[in-house]
Amino acid sequence: MRDILARRPSPAMAVAFVALLAALSGTAIALPGTNSVDSGDIKNSTVRSKDVRNNNLKGGDLRNGTVKSADVGDNSLTGTDINESTLGQVPSANTANSANSANTANSATNANHATTADSATTADSATVGAAAAFAEIEADGTVDTGSPSQGITDANVSNPSTGVYCFELDFAPVTAAVNGNHDGAVLADDAILIYALDPAQYLGCPNTAEAEVTYIDASDAAVQSDDFNVQFDE
């Protein structure tokens, strides 16, 4: 027994013993100093978020063109994150170059009427259309010479019965406008004036007349004679 213990192990036995210890304890390789870990020392897809220190990665650590929309949080970018000079023009922004004129554009739709605005001072019953004739008619059917008139004289008007006025004109009007005269015995708000341009609708005028106007007192619906303004358009 003493002879067996006194014998030294053979070299083969020593190598086998070292190999057994390595197998049982695993392998460990010492790295040669600091800043020596490179890409080849790290297994692919093993480094995770928790392995990276917060606020430590920089723009130079990311490959250009690799960060995509899915990598950016929704509504997280702000104006300071965008280089405005790299953005193209918004498609509808081309008209913004002339936007200063928009302040007066709303009135442009009515500008065409400005050429005829001067005539408003002579038309008590101004309406849309080309006024071919207008006048203020007295209760007895005569034209008020103290008010502006055009195309209508005493010769064009007759008053065959109370509140009925016939107009024989030099043209066939396509529309008309009438309103009570505030200077008359009955205020305009109390007057109902009905005009007819079709002889079949006349109440007391001859078929040769181009128009008929009937004056009605709204308070009692009675036909009466009173002053009114009339305008005929062609």
Protein backbone atom coordinates (compact mmCIF):
# COMPACT_ATOMS: atom_id res chain seq x y z
CA MET A 1 0.00 0.00 0.00
CA ARG A 2 2.80 2.35 0.87
CA ASP A 3 4.40 1.64 -2.46
CA ILE A 4 1.27 2.65 -4.36
CA LEU A 5 0.91 6.01 -2.59
CA ALA A 6 4.59 6.77 -2.95
CA ARG A 7 4.46 6.49 -6.69
CA ARG A 8 4.04 9.80 -8.56
CA PRO A 9 1.20 10.07 -11.20
CA SER A 10 2.24 9.76 -14.76
CA PRO A 11 2.04 12.72 -17.18
CA ALA A 12 -0.99 11.18 -18.85
CA MET A 13 -2.73 11.01 -15.52
CA ALA A 14 -2.00 14.71 -14.87
CA VAL A 15 -3.44 15.78 -18.23
CA ALA A 16 -6.52 13.66 -17.65
CA PHE A 17 -6.98 15.19 -14.23
CA VAL A 18 -6.76 18.77 -15.59
CA ALA A 19 -9.24 17.91 -18.34
CA LEU A 20 -11.63 16.51 -15.75
CA LEU A 21 -11.47 19.69 -13.68
CA ALA A 22 -12.07 21.83 -16.76
CA ALA A 23 -15.09 19.77 -17.74
CA LEU A 24 -16.58 19.99 -14.28
CA SER A 25 -15.99 23.70 -13.68
CA GLY A 26 -16.52 25.16 -17.20
CA THR A 27 -14.16 27.30 -19.20
CA ALA A 28 -13.14 30.89 -18.58
CA ILE A 29 -10.90 32.94 -20.79
CA ALA A 30 -9.33 36.12 -19.53
CA LEU A 31 -9.65 39.12 -21.87
CA PRO A 32 -6.47 40.99 -22.61
CA GLY A 33 -7.02 44.31 -20.77
CA THR A 34 -9.64 47.16 -21.03
CA ASN A 35 -11.53 48.23 -24.25
CA SER A 36 -10.87 44.78 -25.71
CA VAL A 37 -14.46 43.47 -26.23
CA ASP A 38 -15.45 43.63 -29.89
CA SER A 39 -18.41 42.49 -31.98
CA GLY A 40 -16.94 39.02 -32.34
CA ASP A 41 -16.96 38.53 -28.56
CA ILE A 42 -20.77 39.02 -28.32
CA LYS A 43 -23.30 36.49 -29.49
CA ASN A 44 -25.77 37.89 -32.02
CA SER A 45 -29.14 39.04 -30.64
CA THR A 46 -28.03 38.78 -27.01
CA VAL A 47 -27.57 42.46 -26.02
CA ARG A 48 -30.86 43.88 -24.75
CA SER A 49 -32.18 47.24 -23.49
CA LYS A 50 -31.25 46.48 -19.89
CA ASP A 51 -27.64 45.83 -20.98
CA VAL A 52 -27.27 49.42 -22.25
CA ARG A 53 -26.86 52.33 -19.87
CA ASN A 54 -29.69 54.93 -20.13
CA ASN A 55 -28.94 57.98 -22.29
CA ASN A 56 -25.65 56.42 -23.38
CA LEU A 57 -26.18 55.64 -27.09
CA LYS A 58 -25.44 58.46 -29.54
CA GLY A 59 -26.26 59.21 -33.15
CA GLY A 60 -22.92 57.79 -34.21
CA ASP A 61 -23.88 54.42 -32.67
CA LEU A 62 -26.80 53.99 -35.11
CA ARG A 63 -26.48 53.15 -38.78
CA ASN A 64 -27.92 55.81 -41.08
CA GLY A 65 -31.33 54.90 -42.48
CA THR A 66 -32.02 52.16 -39.96
CA VAL A 67 -34.39 54.02 -37.59
CA LYS A 68 -37.93 53.80 -38.99
CA SER A 69 -41.41 55.01 -38.05
CA ALA A 70 -42.04 51.95 -35.88
CA ASP A 71 -38.91 52.79 -33.85
CA VAL A 72 -40.23 56.25 -32.89
CA GLY A 73 -43.00 56.78 -30.31
CA ASP A 74 -46.27 58.24 -31.57
CA ASN A 75 -46.50 62.03 -31.18
CA SER A 76 -43.02 62.12 -29.67
CA LEU A 77 -41.17 64.25 -32.24
CA THR A 78 -41.39 68.03 -31.89
CA GLY A 79 -40.53 70.98 -34.09
CA THR A 80 -37.00 71.15 -32.73
CA ASP A 81 -36.43 67.55 -33.92
CA ILE A 82 -37.18 68.52 -37.55
CA ASN A 83 -34.96 70.47 -39.91
CA GLU A 84 -37.62 72.65 -41.57
CA SER A 85 -35.37 73.53 -44.50
CA THR A 86 -35.46 69.87 -45.61
CA LEU A 87 -39.27 69.80 -45.86
CA GLY A 88 -41.00 70.36 -49.19
CA GLN A 89 -43.88 72.75 -49.75
CA VAL A 90 -47.32 71.63 -48.62
CA PRO A 91 -49.40 70.92 -51.79
CA SER A 92 -52.09 73.51 -51.01
CA ALA A 93 -49.62 76.13 -49.85
CA ASN A 94 -48.98 77.45 -53.35
CA THR A 95 -52.00 79.74 -53.04
CA ALA A 96 -50.66 81.19 -49.77
CA ASN A 97 -48.38 83.47 -51.76
CA SER A 98 -51.44 85.48 -52.80
CA ALA A 99 -53.34 85.13 -49.51
CA ASN A 100 -52.99 88.85 -48.73
CA SER A 101 -55.68 89.59 -51.30
CA ALA A 102 -58.13 87.35 -49.43
CA ASN A 103 -58.99 90.25 -47.12
CA THR A 104 -60.87 91.96 -49.94
CA ALA A 105 -61.96 88.87 -51.87
CA ASN A 106 -65.34 88.59 -50.14
CA SER A 107 -66.49 91.91 -51.56
CA ALA A 108 -65.36 91.01 -55.07
CA THR A 109 -68.57 89.11 -55.78
CA ASN A 110 -70.53 92.34 -55.47
CA ALA A 111 -68.01 94.56 -57.25
CA ASN A 112 -69.77 94.26 -60.61
CA HIS A 113 -72.73 96.19 -59.24
CA ALA A 114 -70.60 99.21 -58.36
CA THR A 115 -70.88 100.61 -61.88
CA THR A 116 -74.62 101.14 -61.43
CA ALA A 117 -74.52 102.27 -57.79
CA ASP A 118 -74.87 105.93 -58.73
CA SER A 119 -78.41 105.34 -59.93
CA ALA A 120 -79.44 104.26 -56.41
CA THR A 121 -79.86 107.90 -55.44
CA THR A 122 -82.66 108.25 -57.97
CA ALA A 123 -84.40 104.92 -57.40
CA ASP A 124 -86.57 104.80 -54.28
CA SER A 125 -87.51 101.21 -55.05
CA ALA A 126 -84.12 99.91 -56.19
CA THR A 127 -84.27 96.26 -57.25
CA VAL A 128 -82.05 93.83 -59.11
CA GLY A 129 -82.33 94.24 -62.88
CA ALA A 130 -82.06 96.87 -65.58
CA ALA A 131 -84.49 99.65 -64.66
CA ALA A 132 -86.06 100.78 -67.94
CA ALA A 133 -88.64 103.07 -66.31
CA PHE A 134 -89.43 104.34 -62.83
CA ALA A 135 -91.40 107.16 -61.20
CA GLU A 136 -93.42 108.21 -58.19
CA ILE A 137 -97.11 108.13 -59.01
CA GLU A 138 -99.54 110.47 -57.27
CA ALA A 139 -102.92 109.27 -56.02
CA ASP A 140 -104.67 110.80 -59.07
CA GLY A 141 -102.41 108.93 -61.53
CA THR A 142 -100.07 111.78 -62.41
CA VAL A 143 -96.29 111.58 -62.17
CA ASP A 144 -94.70 113.46 -59.26
CA THR A 145 -92.39 115.90 -61.03
CA GLY A 146 -90.55 116.63 -57.81
CA SER A 147 -89.14 113.09 -57.68
CA PRO A 148 -86.71 111.43 -60.10
CA SER A 149 -88.35 109.59 -62.96
CA GLN A 150 -87.41 107.88 -66.21
CA GLY A 151 -89.49 106.52 -69.07
CA ILE A 152 -92.83 107.36 -67.42
CA THR A 153 -94.85 110.55 -67.91
CA ASP A 154 -98.44 111.54 -67.30
CA ALA A 155 -99.22 110.29 -70.80
CA ASN A 156 -98.20 106.76 -69.81
CA VAL A 157 -100.44 106.52 -66.70
CA SER A 158 -104.19 106.45 -66.21
CA ASN A 159 -106.41 105.95 -63.16
CA PRO A 160 -109.72 104.50 -64.48
CA SER A 161 -111.07 103.64 -61.02
CA THR A 162 -110.19 103.95 -57.33
CA GLY A 163 -106.83 102.34 -56.58
CA VAL A 164 -106.31 101.01 -60.14
CA TYR A 165 -103.47 102.42 -62.27
CA CYS A 166 -102.77 101.49 -65.87
CA PHE A 167 -99.41 101.89 -67.57
CA GLU A 168 -99.00 102.06 -71.34
CA LEU A 169 -95.25 101.89 -71.94
CA ASP A 170 -92.95 101.84 -74.97
CA PHE A 171 -91.70 98.36 -74.05
CA ALA A 172 -92.97 95.14 -72.52
CA PRO A 173 -91.57 94.88 -68.96
CA VAL A 174 -90.41 91.48 -67.74
CA THR A 175 -90.74 92.35 -64.06
CA ALA A 176 -91.76 95.23 -61.82
CA ALA A 177 -91.43 96.52 -58.28
CA VAL A 178 -93.87 98.75 -56.39
CA ASN A 179 -93.96 100.14 -52.87
CA GLY A 180 -96.04 102.64 -50.96
CA ASN A 181 -94.87 106.20 -50.53
CA HIS A 182 -94.25 107.18 -46.90
CA ASP A 183 -95.40 110.71 -47.72
CA GLY A 184 -98.85 109.47 -48.71
CA ALA A 185 -101.98 109.17 -46.60
CA VAL A 186 -101.23 105.49 -45.97
CA LEU A 187 -97.78 104.37 -44.83
CA ALA A 188 -95.94 101.79 -46.92
CA ASP A 189 -96.23 99.15 -44.19
CA ASP A 190 -100.04 99.46 -44.38
CA ALA A 191 -100.21 99.18 -48.17
CA ILE A 192 -100.55 96.15 -50.40
CA LEU A 193 -99.62 96.89 -53.99
CA ILE A 194 -100.30 94.28 -56.62
CA TYR A 195 -98.94 94.53 -60.13
CA ALA A 196 -99.87 92.51 -63.18
CA LEU A 197 -98.07 92.28 -66.51
CA ASP A 198 -100.53 89.85 -68.10
CA PRO A 199 -103.75 91.44 -69.47
CA ALA A 200 -105.64 88.31 -68.43
CA GLN A 201 -105.01 89.30 -64.82
CA TYR A 202 -106.04 92.94 -65.12
CA LEU A 203 -108.84 94.17 -62.86
CA GLY A 204 -109.71 97.41 -64.63
CA CYS A 205 -107.10 98.25 -67.27
CA PRO A 206 -107.48 97.70 -71.03
CA ASN A 207 -105.63 94.88 -72.71
CA THR A 208 -103.50 97.45 -74.52
CA ALA A 209 -101.79 98.41 -71.25
CA GLU A 210 -98.40 96.86 -70.51
CA ALA A 211 -98.98 96.81 -66.73
CA GLU A 212 -101.54 97.36 -64.00
CA VAL A 213 -100.99 98.34 -60.34
CA THR A 214 -103.69 98.01 -57.67
CA TYR A 215 -103.34 99.84 -54.34
CA ILE A 216 -104.99 98.14 -51.32
CA ASP A 217 -105.18 99.44 -47.74
CA ALA A 218 -103.90 96.56 -45.59
CA SER A 219 -105.85 97.74 -42.53
CA ASP A 220 -109.25 97.06 -44.10
CA ALA A 221 -108.37 95.38 -47.45
CA ALA A 222 -110.13 98.20 -49.29
CA VAL A 223 -108.92 99.39 -52.68
CA GLN A 224 -107.92 103.03 -52.46
CA SER A 225 -105.95 105.62 -54.38
CA ASP A 226 -102.67 106.80 -52.93
CA ASP A 227 -99.09 107.67 -53.83
CA PHE A 228 -96.62 104.89 -54.66
CA ASN A 229 -93.31 104.24 -56.37
CA VAL A 230 -93.02 101.94 -59.34
CA GLN A 231 -90.15 100.52 -61.38
CA PHE A 232 -90.32 98.42 -64.56
CA ASP A 233 -87.42 96.27 -65.77
CA GLU A 234 -86.91 94.89 -69.26
